[in-house]
Amino acid sequence: MTRPLTLLALLLLSASAWAHKLHLFAFAEGEQVSGQVYFAGGAPATQATLAVNAQDGTSAASPTVDASGSFTFSIASRQDYLITADAGDGHRAQWTLPSRELAVDLPPAPGISLEVTDDPATSPTAGKVAVTAEVERAVARQVRPLREQLIALEQRLRFQDILGALGYILGLAGLALWWRAKRRPAAPK
């Protein structure tokens, strides 16, 4: 009987540990990257420190987190960025911002060459690039709230998840008790 109670206690302790999990997301609009750092319950991680590293490992920015857990910073080139948040006490989260989500009019990262056959100012494709960049910015503004909601829904611990876990524990405990009772020798009559 002690084991089911132990399993139940472990489940409750792990649920409280999950409740303090740190979450981070970021998105780009042109040269500006903004995002939010928060705990699983939705509380902002106001004391979190952020580090932004470029794909080659160099530091690209060190934004600060405001009272709502939000942050912003600027990027100078089109490349992958790794954003790391550390809220202390082992609470750490990472977010990769891939170059494909950045504006097309950003220059490429140093060491990455793009072949240009025409003068960009006189090229007939220059107008297409500018229009594409503006469309990407507009779409990013519209998609941002949807991405935030989707991420929050994916990371939320629901009451039905807790009940499901308790059901599994009770079911396994019942099977263990049944197996144990079946293994006992029958009492003489």
N, C-alpha and C. Protein backbone atom coordinates (compact mmCIF):
# COMPACT_ATOMS: atom_id res chain seq x y z
N MET A 1 0.83 -1.20 0.00
CA MET A 1 0.00 0.00 0.00
C MET A 1 0.87 1.25 0.00
N THR A 2 2.10 1.13 0.48
CA THR A 2 2.98 2.28 0.54
C THR A 2 3.42 2.72 -0.86
N ARG A 3 3.61 1.75 -1.74
CA ARG A 3 4.08 2.10 -3.09
C ARG A 3 3.11 2.98 -3.86
N PRO A 4 1.81 2.70 -3.87
CA PRO A 4 0.91 3.60 -4.59
C PRO A 4 0.94 5.03 -4.04
N LEU A 5 1.07 5.14 -2.72
CA LEU A 5 1.15 6.48 -2.14
C LEU A 5 2.45 7.18 -2.55
N THR A 6 3.53 6.41 -2.63
CA THR A 6 4.80 6.96 -3.07
C THR A 6 4.71 7.43 -4.51
N LEU A 7 4.09 6.61 -5.36
CA LEU A 7 3.92 7.01 -6.75
C LEU A 7 3.06 8.26 -6.88
N LEU A 8 2.02 8.34 -6.08
CA LEU A 8 1.16 9.51 -6.10
C LEU A 8 1.93 10.76 -5.66
N ALA A 9 2.74 10.64 -4.63
CA ALA A 9 3.55 11.76 -4.15
C ALA A 9 4.55 12.21 -5.21
N LEU A 10 5.17 11.23 -5.90
CA LEU A 10 6.10 11.59 -6.98
C LEU A 10 5.39 12.31 -8.11
N LEU A 11 4.19 11.89 -8.44
CA LEU A 11 3.44 12.56 -9.49
C LEU A 11 3.13 14.00 -9.10
N LEU A 12 2.70 14.21 -7.88
CA LEU A 12 2.38 15.56 -7.43
C LEU A 12 3.61 16.45 -7.41
N LEU A 13 4.75 15.88 -7.00
CA LEU A 13 5.99 16.66 -6.99
C LEU A 13 6.44 17.00 -8.41
N SER A 14 6.30 16.05 -9.33
CA SER A 14 6.72 16.34 -10.70
C SER A 14 5.79 17.36 -11.35
N ALA A 15 4.51 17.36 -10.98
CA ALA A 15 3.59 18.35 -11.53
C ALA A 15 3.97 19.75 -11.07
N SER A 16 4.42 19.88 -9.82
CA SER A 16 4.82 21.21 -9.36
C SER A 16 6.13 21.63 -10.02
N ALA A 17 7.01 20.68 -10.32
CA ALA A 17 8.24 21.03 -11.03
C ALA A 17 7.91 21.47 -12.45
N TRP A 18 6.96 20.82 -13.09
CA TRP A 18 6.55 21.21 -14.44
C TRP A 18 5.96 22.61 -14.43
N ALA A 19 5.28 22.97 -13.36
CA ALA A 19 4.63 24.28 -13.29
C ALA A 19 5.64 25.42 -13.32
N HIS A 20 6.91 25.14 -13.00
CA HIS A 20 7.92 26.18 -12.99
C HIS A 20 8.84 26.11 -14.20
N LYS A 21 8.45 25.35 -15.22
CA LYS A 21 9.26 25.24 -16.42
C LYS A 21 9.30 26.59 -17.13
N LEU A 22 10.45 26.94 -17.65
CA LEU A 22 10.64 28.22 -18.32
C LEU A 22 10.37 28.06 -19.81
N HIS A 23 9.63 29.01 -20.38
CA HIS A 23 9.31 29.01 -21.80
C HIS A 23 9.83 30.29 -22.44
N LEU A 24 10.19 30.18 -23.70
CA LEU A 24 10.75 31.31 -24.45
C LEU A 24 10.29 31.20 -25.89
N PHE A 25 9.88 32.30 -26.47
CA PHE A 25 9.63 32.33 -27.91
C PHE A 25 10.03 33.70 -28.44
N ALA A 26 10.37 33.72 -29.72
CA ALA A 26 10.78 34.97 -30.37
C ALA A 26 10.38 34.92 -31.83
N PHE A 27 10.22 36.08 -32.42
CA PHE A 27 9.86 36.20 -33.83
C PHE A 27 10.44 37.50 -34.35
N ALA A 28 10.61 37.55 -35.67
CA ALA A 28 11.24 38.71 -36.30
C ALA A 28 10.24 39.47 -37.14
N GLU A 29 10.38 40.78 -37.08
CA GLU A 29 9.65 41.69 -37.97
C GLU A 29 10.69 42.65 -38.52
N GLY A 30 11.15 42.39 -39.73
CA GLY A 30 12.22 43.20 -40.31
C GLY A 30 13.51 42.97 -39.54
N GLU A 31 14.12 44.05 -39.07
CA GLU A 31 15.36 43.95 -38.31
C GLU A 31 15.12 43.79 -36.82
N GLN A 32 13.89 43.92 -36.38
CA GLN A 32 13.55 43.81 -34.95
C GLN A 32 13.11 42.39 -34.61
N VAL A 33 13.67 41.87 -33.55
CA VAL A 33 13.25 40.58 -33.01
C VAL A 33 12.64 40.86 -31.65
N SER A 34 11.47 40.32 -31.40
CA SER A 34 10.85 40.49 -30.09
C SER A 34 10.31 39.15 -29.64
N GLY A 35 10.10 39.03 -28.35
CA GLY A 35 9.64 37.77 -27.80
C GLY A 35 9.27 37.91 -26.34
N GLN A 36 9.09 36.77 -25.71
CA GLN A 36 8.67 36.76 -24.32
C GLN A 36 9.26 35.56 -23.61
N VAL A 37 9.55 35.74 -22.32
CA VAL A 37 10.04 34.68 -21.45
C VAL A 37 9.05 34.56 -20.31
N TYR A 38 8.55 33.33 -20.07
CA TYR A 38 7.55 33.16 -19.03
C TYR A 38 7.61 31.74 -18.48
N PHE A 39 7.05 31.56 -17.30
CA PHE A 39 6.97 30.25 -16.68
C PHE A 39 5.71 29.54 -17.16
N ALA A 40 5.62 28.23 -16.95
CA ALA A 40 4.52 27.42 -17.47
C ALA A 40 3.15 27.95 -17.04
N GLY A 41 3.02 28.50 -15.88
CA GLY A 41 1.74 29.03 -15.43
C GLY A 41 1.37 30.35 -16.08
N GLY A 42 2.29 30.95 -16.82
CA GLY A 42 2.04 32.21 -17.50
C GLY A 42 2.69 33.41 -16.82
N ALA A 43 3.31 33.22 -15.65
CA ALA A 43 3.97 34.32 -14.95
C ALA A 43 5.22 34.74 -15.72
N PRO A 44 5.42 36.04 -15.92
CA PRO A 44 6.60 36.50 -16.65
C PRO A 44 7.88 36.23 -15.88
N ALA A 45 8.93 35.89 -16.61
CA ALA A 45 10.24 35.66 -16.01
C ALA A 45 11.02 36.97 -16.06
N THR A 46 10.69 37.87 -15.15
CA THR A 46 11.24 39.23 -15.20
C THR A 46 12.74 39.28 -14.86
N GLN A 47 13.25 38.30 -14.13
CA GLN A 47 14.66 38.31 -13.74
C GLN A 47 15.53 37.49 -14.67
N ALA A 48 14.97 37.01 -15.76
CA ALA A 48 15.74 36.17 -16.69
C ALA A 48 16.79 36.99 -17.42
N THR A 49 17.92 36.37 -17.66
CA THR A 49 18.97 36.99 -18.47
C THR A 49 18.95 36.32 -19.83
N LEU A 50 19.13 37.11 -20.86
CA LEU A 50 19.07 36.59 -22.23
C LEU A 50 20.42 36.73 -22.91
N ALA A 51 20.72 35.76 -23.75
CA ALA A 51 21.92 35.81 -24.59
C ALA A 51 21.50 35.41 -25.99
N VAL A 52 21.94 36.17 -26.97
CA VAL A 52 21.64 35.89 -28.37
C VAL A 52 22.96 35.61 -29.07
N ASN A 53 23.07 34.43 -29.66
CA ASN A 53 24.29 34.04 -30.36
C ASN A 53 23.99 33.79 -31.83
N ALA A 54 24.91 34.24 -32.69
CA ALA A 54 24.79 33.99 -34.13
C ALA A 54 25.16 32.54 -34.41
N GLN A 55 24.98 32.12 -35.65
CA GLN A 55 25.23 30.72 -36.00
C GLN A 55 26.68 30.32 -35.82
N ASP A 56 27.62 31.26 -35.85
CA ASP A 56 29.02 30.93 -35.63
C ASP A 56 29.41 30.95 -34.16
N GLY A 57 28.45 31.21 -33.27
CA GLY A 57 28.70 31.19 -31.83
C GLY A 57 29.04 32.53 -31.22
N THR A 58 29.20 33.56 -32.03
CA THR A 58 29.52 34.88 -31.49
C THR A 58 28.27 35.51 -30.89
N SER A 59 28.49 36.35 -29.90
CA SER A 59 27.38 37.03 -29.25
C SER A 59 26.83 38.12 -30.17
N ALA A 60 25.50 38.08 -30.40
CA ALA A 60 24.87 39.05 -31.29
C ALA A 60 24.12 40.13 -30.51
N ALA A 61 23.63 39.80 -29.31
CA ALA A 61 22.89 40.77 -28.51
C ALA A 61 22.73 40.22 -27.09
N SER A 62 22.44 41.12 -26.15
CA SER A 62 22.12 40.76 -24.78
C SER A 62 20.93 41.59 -24.33
N PRO A 63 19.75 41.27 -24.85
CA PRO A 63 18.57 42.09 -24.51
C PRO A 63 18.16 41.91 -23.05
N THR A 64 17.43 42.89 -22.55
CA THR A 64 16.91 42.81 -21.19
C THR A 64 15.41 42.50 -21.23
N VAL A 65 14.95 41.88 -20.17
CA VAL A 65 13.54 41.49 -20.06
C VAL A 65 12.81 42.55 -19.24
N ASP A 66 11.66 43.00 -19.73
CA ASP A 66 10.90 44.01 -18.98
C ASP A 66 9.96 43.35 -17.98
N ALA A 67 9.11 44.12 -17.34
CA ALA A 67 8.23 43.63 -16.27
C ALA A 67 7.19 42.63 -16.77
N SER A 68 6.89 42.64 -18.06
CA SER A 68 5.92 41.68 -18.60
C SER A 68 6.59 40.46 -19.19
N GLY A 69 7.92 40.36 -19.08
CA GLY A 69 8.65 39.22 -19.61
C GLY A 69 9.01 39.38 -21.08
N SER A 70 8.74 40.54 -21.65
CA SER A 70 9.00 40.78 -23.08
C SER A 70 10.41 41.34 -23.29
N PHE A 71 10.90 41.15 -24.51
CA PHE A 71 12.21 41.69 -24.89
C PHE A 71 12.21 42.00 -26.38
N THR A 72 13.10 42.89 -26.77
CA THR A 72 13.31 43.22 -28.19
C THR A 72 14.80 43.48 -28.40
N PHE A 73 15.25 43.21 -29.61
CA PHE A 73 16.61 43.54 -30.01
C PHE A 73 16.66 43.61 -31.53
N SER A 74 17.72 44.21 -32.05
CA SER A 74 17.90 44.34 -33.50
C SER A 74 18.94 43.35 -33.99
N ILE A 75 18.75 42.92 -35.22
CA ILE A 75 19.73 42.04 -35.86
C ILE A 75 20.28 42.75 -37.08
N ALA A 76 21.51 42.41 -37.44
CA ALA A 76 22.17 43.11 -38.54
C ALA A 76 22.29 42.27 -39.79
N SER A 77 22.19 40.95 -39.67
CA SER A 77 22.37 40.11 -40.86
C SER A 77 21.41 38.93 -40.83
N ARG A 78 21.24 38.34 -41.98
CA ARG A 78 20.32 37.20 -42.15
C ARG A 78 21.10 35.91 -41.91
N GLN A 79 20.90 35.33 -40.72
CA GLN A 79 21.52 34.07 -40.34
C GLN A 79 20.73 33.48 -39.19
N ASP A 80 21.04 32.27 -38.81
CA ASP A 80 20.36 31.63 -37.68
C ASP A 80 20.85 32.25 -36.37
N TYR A 81 19.92 32.41 -35.43
CA TYR A 81 20.26 32.93 -34.11
C TYR A 81 19.73 31.97 -33.05
N LEU A 82 20.51 31.78 -31.99
CA LEU A 82 20.10 30.98 -30.85
C LEU A 82 19.91 31.91 -29.66
N ILE A 83 18.68 31.95 -29.13
CA ILE A 83 18.36 32.81 -28.00
C ILE A 83 18.25 31.91 -26.77
N THR A 84 18.98 32.26 -25.72
CA THR A 84 18.98 31.46 -24.50
C THR A 84 18.53 32.34 -23.34
N ALA A 85 17.57 31.83 -22.56
CA ALA A 85 17.08 32.53 -21.37
C ALA A 85 17.46 31.71 -20.14
N ASP A 86 17.94 32.40 -19.11
CA ASP A 86 18.30 31.74 -17.86
C ASP A 86 17.65 32.53 -16.73
N ALA A 87 16.72 31.88 -16.01
CA ALA A 87 16.01 32.53 -14.91
C ALA A 87 16.56 32.11 -13.56
N GLY A 88 17.67 31.42 -13.54
CA GLY A 88 18.26 30.97 -12.28
C GLY A 88 17.59 29.71 -11.77
N ASP A 89 18.17 29.11 -10.77
CA ASP A 89 17.66 27.89 -10.14
C ASP A 89 17.43 26.77 -11.15
N GLY A 90 18.23 26.72 -12.21
CA GLY A 90 18.12 25.67 -13.21
C GLY A 90 17.04 25.89 -14.25
N HIS A 91 16.35 27.01 -14.20
CA HIS A 91 15.31 27.31 -15.19
C HIS A 91 15.99 27.92 -16.41
N ARG A 92 15.96 27.17 -17.52
CA ARG A 92 16.66 27.59 -18.73
C ARG A 92 15.83 27.19 -19.94
N ALA A 93 15.81 28.05 -20.94
CA ALA A 93 15.07 27.76 -22.17
C ALA A 93 15.85 28.30 -23.36
N GLN A 94 15.65 27.67 -24.52
CA GLN A 94 16.32 28.12 -25.74
C GLN A 94 15.31 28.21 -26.87
N TRP A 95 15.59 29.10 -27.81
CA TRP A 95 14.75 29.28 -28.99
C TRP A 95 15.67 29.54 -30.16
N THR A 96 15.47 28.80 -31.24
CA THR A 96 16.25 29.02 -32.44
C THR A 96 15.41 29.84 -33.41
N LEU A 97 15.98 30.94 -33.86
CA LEU A 97 15.33 31.80 -34.84
C LEU A 97 16.04 31.56 -36.18
N PRO A 98 15.44 30.74 -37.05
CA PRO A 98 16.11 30.40 -38.31
C PRO A 98 16.14 31.56 -39.28
N SER A 99 17.13 31.57 -40.14
CA SER A 99 17.31 32.66 -41.10
C SER A 99 16.14 32.76 -42.06
N ARG A 100 15.45 31.65 -42.33
CA ARG A 100 14.33 31.69 -43.28
C ARG A 100 13.16 32.52 -42.75
N GLU A 101 13.12 32.79 -41.42
CA GLU A 101 12.06 33.60 -40.84
C GLU A 101 12.42 35.08 -40.78
N LEU A 102 13.61 35.44 -41.24
CA LEU A 102 14.06 36.82 -41.20
C LEU A 102 13.75 37.51 -42.52
N ALA A 103 13.71 38.82 -42.50
CA ALA A 103 13.37 39.61 -43.68
C ALA A 103 14.38 39.36 -44.81
N VAL A 104 13.88 39.33 -46.03
CA VAL A 104 14.75 39.06 -47.17
C VAL A 104 15.69 40.20 -47.48
N ASP A 105 15.40 41.42 -47.02
CA ASP A 105 16.25 42.55 -47.35
C ASP A 105 17.42 42.73 -46.39
N LEU A 106 17.57 41.83 -45.41
CA LEU A 106 18.74 41.87 -44.53
C LEU A 106 19.95 41.35 -45.28
N PRO A 107 21.14 41.92 -45.02
CA PRO A 107 22.34 41.39 -45.69
C PRO A 107 22.67 40.01 -45.13
N PRO A 108 23.34 39.18 -45.92
CA PRO A 108 23.71 37.86 -45.41
C PRO A 108 24.78 37.98 -44.33
N ALA A 109 24.94 36.92 -43.57
CA ALA A 109 25.95 36.89 -42.52
C ALA A 109 27.34 36.98 -43.14
N PRO A 110 28.32 37.52 -42.41
CA PRO A 110 29.69 37.57 -42.93
C PRO A 110 30.18 36.17 -43.27
N GLY A 111 30.84 36.07 -44.41
CA GLY A 111 31.35 34.76 -44.84
C GLY A 111 30.38 34.03 -45.74
N ILE A 112 29.15 34.50 -45.88
CA ILE A 112 28.17 33.89 -46.77
C ILE A 112 28.00 34.83 -47.95
N SER A 113 28.27 34.31 -49.13
CA SER A 113 28.18 35.18 -50.30
C SER A 113 26.95 34.81 -51.11
N LEU A 114 26.29 35.83 -51.61
CA LEU A 114 25.19 35.66 -52.53
C LEU A 114 25.64 36.17 -53.88
N GLU A 115 25.41 35.40 -54.92
CA GLU A 115 25.82 35.83 -56.25
C GLU A 115 24.85 36.90 -56.75
N VAL A 116 25.40 38.05 -57.13
CA VAL A 116 24.61 39.13 -57.67
C VAL A 116 25.10 39.37 -59.09
N THR A 117 24.19 39.23 -60.04
CA THR A 117 24.59 39.40 -61.43
C THR A 117 24.31 40.79 -61.95
N ASP A 118 23.37 41.50 -61.34
CA ASP A 118 23.01 42.85 -61.78
C ASP A 118 23.27 43.84 -60.65
N ASP A 119 23.29 45.09 -61.02
CA ASP A 119 23.35 46.16 -60.03
C ASP A 119 21.99 46.19 -59.33
N PRO A 120 21.95 46.04 -57.98
CA PRO A 120 20.66 45.97 -57.30
C PRO A 120 19.79 47.20 -57.50
N ALA A 121 20.40 48.35 -57.71
CA ALA A 121 19.61 49.57 -57.86
C ALA A 121 18.90 49.63 -59.20
N THR A 122 19.52 49.06 -60.24
CA THR A 122 18.92 49.13 -61.57
C THR A 122 18.27 47.82 -62.00
N SER A 123 18.40 46.81 -61.22
CA SER A 123 17.86 45.49 -61.56
C SER A 123 16.33 45.50 -61.53
N PRO A 124 15.69 44.82 -62.49
CA PRO A 124 14.23 44.74 -62.46
C PRO A 124 13.73 43.94 -61.26
N THR A 125 14.59 43.13 -60.64
CA THR A 125 14.16 42.35 -59.49
C THR A 125 14.24 43.13 -58.19
N ALA A 126 14.85 44.32 -58.21
CA ALA A 126 14.98 45.12 -56.99
C ALA A 126 13.61 45.48 -56.43
N GLY A 127 12.68 45.83 -57.30
CA GLY A 127 11.32 46.14 -56.85
C GLY A 127 10.62 44.92 -56.27
N LYS A 128 10.87 43.74 -56.85
CA LYS A 128 10.28 42.49 -56.35
C LYS A 128 10.79 42.18 -54.95
N VAL A 129 12.08 42.43 -54.72
CA VAL A 129 12.65 42.17 -53.39
C VAL A 129 12.03 43.10 -52.36
N ALA A 130 11.85 44.37 -52.72
CA ALA A 130 11.26 45.33 -51.79
C ALA A 130 9.82 44.96 -51.47
N VAL A 131 9.06 44.56 -52.49
CA VAL A 131 7.67 44.14 -52.27
C VAL A 131 7.62 42.88 -51.43
N THR A 132 8.50 41.93 -51.72
CA THR A 132 8.55 40.69 -50.94
C THR A 132 8.86 40.98 -49.49
N ALA A 133 9.80 41.88 -49.23
CA ALA A 133 10.15 42.24 -47.86
C ALA A 133 8.97 42.87 -47.14
N GLU A 134 8.24 43.74 -47.81
CA GLU A 134 7.09 44.39 -47.19
C GLU A 134 5.97 43.38 -46.91
N VAL A 135 5.76 42.46 -47.83
CA VAL A 135 4.74 41.41 -47.61
C VAL A 135 5.13 40.54 -46.43
N GLU A 136 6.41 40.18 -46.33
CA GLU A 136 6.87 39.36 -45.20
C GLU A 136 6.64 40.08 -43.88
N ARG A 137 6.90 41.38 -43.83
CA ARG A 137 6.66 42.14 -42.60
C ARG A 137 5.19 42.14 -42.23
N ALA A 138 4.33 42.35 -43.22
CA ALA A 138 2.88 42.39 -42.97
C ALA A 138 2.37 41.03 -42.50
N VAL A 139 2.83 39.97 -43.12
CA VAL A 139 2.41 38.63 -42.71
C VAL A 139 2.93 38.32 -41.30
N ALA A 140 4.15 38.71 -41.01
CA ALA A 140 4.71 38.46 -39.67
C ALA A 140 3.89 39.16 -38.60
N ARG A 141 3.42 40.38 -38.87
CA ARG A 141 2.59 41.10 -37.90
C ARG A 141 1.27 40.38 -37.67
N GLN A 142 0.70 39.82 -38.73
CA GLN A 142 -0.59 39.13 -38.61
C GLN A 142 -0.45 37.75 -37.96
N VAL A 143 0.64 37.08 -38.22
CA VAL A 143 0.83 35.71 -37.73
C VAL A 143 1.31 35.69 -36.28
N ARG A 144 1.95 36.75 -35.83
CA ARG A 144 2.52 36.80 -34.48
C ARG A 144 1.53 36.40 -33.39
N PRO A 145 0.34 36.98 -33.31
CA PRO A 145 -0.57 36.57 -32.23
C PRO A 145 -0.99 35.11 -32.33
N LEU A 146 -1.12 34.61 -33.53
CA LEU A 146 -1.48 33.20 -33.70
C LEU A 146 -0.37 32.28 -33.21
N ARG A 147 0.87 32.63 -33.52
CA ARG A 147 2.00 31.82 -33.04
C ARG A 147 2.07 31.84 -31.52
N GLU A 148 1.85 33.01 -30.92
CA GLU A 148 1.88 33.12 -29.46
C GLU A 148 0.82 32.22 -28.83
N GLN A 149 -0.39 32.25 -29.38
CA GLN A 149 -1.46 31.42 -28.83
C GLN A 149 -1.17 29.94 -29.01
N LEU A 150 -0.65 29.56 -30.16
CA LEU A 150 -0.34 28.16 -30.42
C LEU A 150 0.74 27.64 -29.47
N ILE A 151 1.77 28.43 -29.26
CA ILE A 151 2.84 28.02 -28.35
C ILE A 151 2.30 27.90 -26.92
N ALA A 152 1.48 28.85 -26.50
CA ALA A 152 0.91 28.80 -25.15
C ALA A 152 0.02 27.57 -24.97
N LEU A 153 -0.76 27.22 -25.99
CA LEU A 153 -1.62 26.05 -25.89
C LEU A 153 -0.81 24.76 -25.86
N GLU A 154 0.25 24.69 -26.64
CA GLU A 154 1.08 23.50 -26.66
C GLU A 154 1.79 23.26 -25.33
N GLN A 155 2.13 24.32 -24.64
CA GLN A 155 2.94 24.20 -23.44
C GLN A 155 2.13 24.22 -22.15
N ARG A 156 0.82 24.35 -22.26
CA ARG A 156 -0.01 24.43 -21.07
C ARG A 156 -0.27 23.04 -20.50
N LEU A 157 -0.12 22.90 -19.22
CA LEU A 157 -0.44 21.66 -18.52
C LEU A 157 -1.91 21.72 -18.16
N ARG A 158 -2.68 20.82 -18.73
CA ARG A 158 -4.12 20.85 -18.53
C ARG A 158 -4.53 19.94 -17.40
N PHE A 159 -5.67 20.25 -16.81
CA PHE A 159 -6.23 19.46 -15.72
C PHE A 159 -6.48 18.03 -16.17
N GLN A 160 -6.93 17.84 -17.40
CA GLN A 160 -7.20 16.50 -17.89
C GLN A 160 -5.91 15.70 -18.02
N ASP A 161 -4.78 16.35 -18.27
CA ASP A 161 -3.50 15.65 -18.30
C ASP A 161 -3.16 15.10 -16.91
N ILE A 162 -3.41 15.90 -15.89
CA ILE A 162 -3.13 15.47 -14.52
C ILE A 162 -4.05 14.30 -14.15
N LEU A 163 -5.32 14.41 -14.48
CA LEU A 163 -6.26 13.31 -14.19
C LEU A 163 -5.88 12.05 -14.95
N GLY A 164 -5.44 12.19 -16.19
CA GLY A 164 -5.00 11.04 -16.96
C GLY A 164 -3.81 10.35 -16.32
N ALA A 165 -2.85 11.14 -15.85
CA ALA A 165 -1.68 10.56 -15.18
C ALA A 165 -2.08 9.85 -13.90
N LEU A 166 -2.99 10.45 -13.14
CA LEU A 166 -3.48 9.79 -11.92
C LEU A 166 -4.19 8.47 -12.27
N GLY A 167 -4.94 8.46 -13.36
CA GLY A 167 -5.61 7.23 -13.79
C GLY A 167 -4.62 6.14 -14.13
N TYR A 168 -3.55 6.49 -14.82
CA TYR A 168 -2.52 5.50 -15.12
C TYR A 168 -1.89 4.95 -13.85
N ILE A 169 -1.59 5.83 -12.92
CA ILE A 169 -0.96 5.38 -11.67
C ILE A 169 -1.90 4.45 -10.90
N LEU A 170 -3.15 4.85 -10.78
CA LEU A 170 -4.10 4.00 -10.06
C LEU A 170 -4.31 2.68 -10.79
N GLY A 171 -4.34 2.70 -12.11
CA GLY A 171 -4.49 1.47 -12.87
C GLY A 171 -3.31 0.54 -12.69
N LEU A 172 -2.10 1.08 -12.74
CA LEU A 172 -0.90 0.26 -12.52
C LEU A 172 -0.84 -0.27 -11.09
N ALA A 173 -1.25 0.56 -10.13
CA ALA A 173 -1.27 0.10 -8.73
C ALA A 173 -2.29 -1.02 -8.58
N GLY A 174 -3.45 -0.91 -9.22
CA GLY A 174 -4.45 -1.97 -9.17
C GLY A 174 -3.95 -3.26 -9.78
N LEU A 175 -3.25 -3.16 -10.91
CA LEU A 175 -2.67 -4.36 -11.52
C LEU A 175 -1.63 -5.00 -10.61
N ALA A 176 -0.79 -4.18 -9.99
CA ALA A 176 0.23 -4.71 -9.08
C ALA A 176 -0.42 -5.40 -7.89
N LEU A 177 -1.47 -4.83 -7.31
CA LEU A 177 -2.15 -5.45 -6.19
C LEU A 177 -2.84 -6.75 -6.61
N TRP A 178 -3.45 -6.76 -7.80
CA TRP A 178 -4.09 -7.96 -8.30
C TRP A 178 -3.06 -9.07 -8.51
N TRP A 179 -1.92 -8.73 -9.12
CA TRP A 179 -0.86 -9.70 -9.35
C TRP A 179 -0.32 -10.24 -8.04
N ARG A 180 -0.16 -9.37 -7.07
CA ARG A 180 0.36 -9.78 -5.76
C ARG A 180 -0.64 -10.71 -5.07
N ALA A 181 -1.93 -10.40 -5.14
CA ALA A 181 -2.95 -11.25 -4.52
C ALA A 181 -3.04 -12.60 -5.23
N LYS A 182 -2.83 -12.63 -6.51
CA LYS A 182 -2.90 -13.87 -7.27
C LYS A 182 -1.72 -14.78 -6.95
N ARG A 183 -0.59 -14.22 -6.62
CA ARG A 183 0.61 -15.00 -6.33
C ARG A 183 0.58 -15.64 -4.93
N ARG A 184 -0.25 -15.14 -4.05
CA ARG A 184 -0.32 -15.69 -2.69
C ARG A 184 -0.94 -17.08 -2.75
N PRO A 185 -0.41 -17.98 -1.91
CA PRO A 185 -1.03 -19.32 -1.89
C PRO A 185 -2.42 -19.25 -1.28
N ALA A 186 -3.27 -20.12 -1.76
CA ALA A 186 -4.64 -20.15 -1.26
C ALA A 186 -4.66 -20.66 0.18
N ALA A 187 -5.55 -20.08 0.97
CA ALA A 187 -5.67 -20.49 2.38
C ALA A 187 -6.29 -21.89 2.44
N PRO A 188 -5.78 -22.77 3.32
CA PRO A 188 -6.36 -24.13 3.44
C PRO A 188 -7.79 -24.06 3.98
N LYS A 189 -8.64 -24.97 3.52
CA LYS A 189 -10.04 -24.98 3.94
C LYS A 189 -10.29 -25.99 5.00
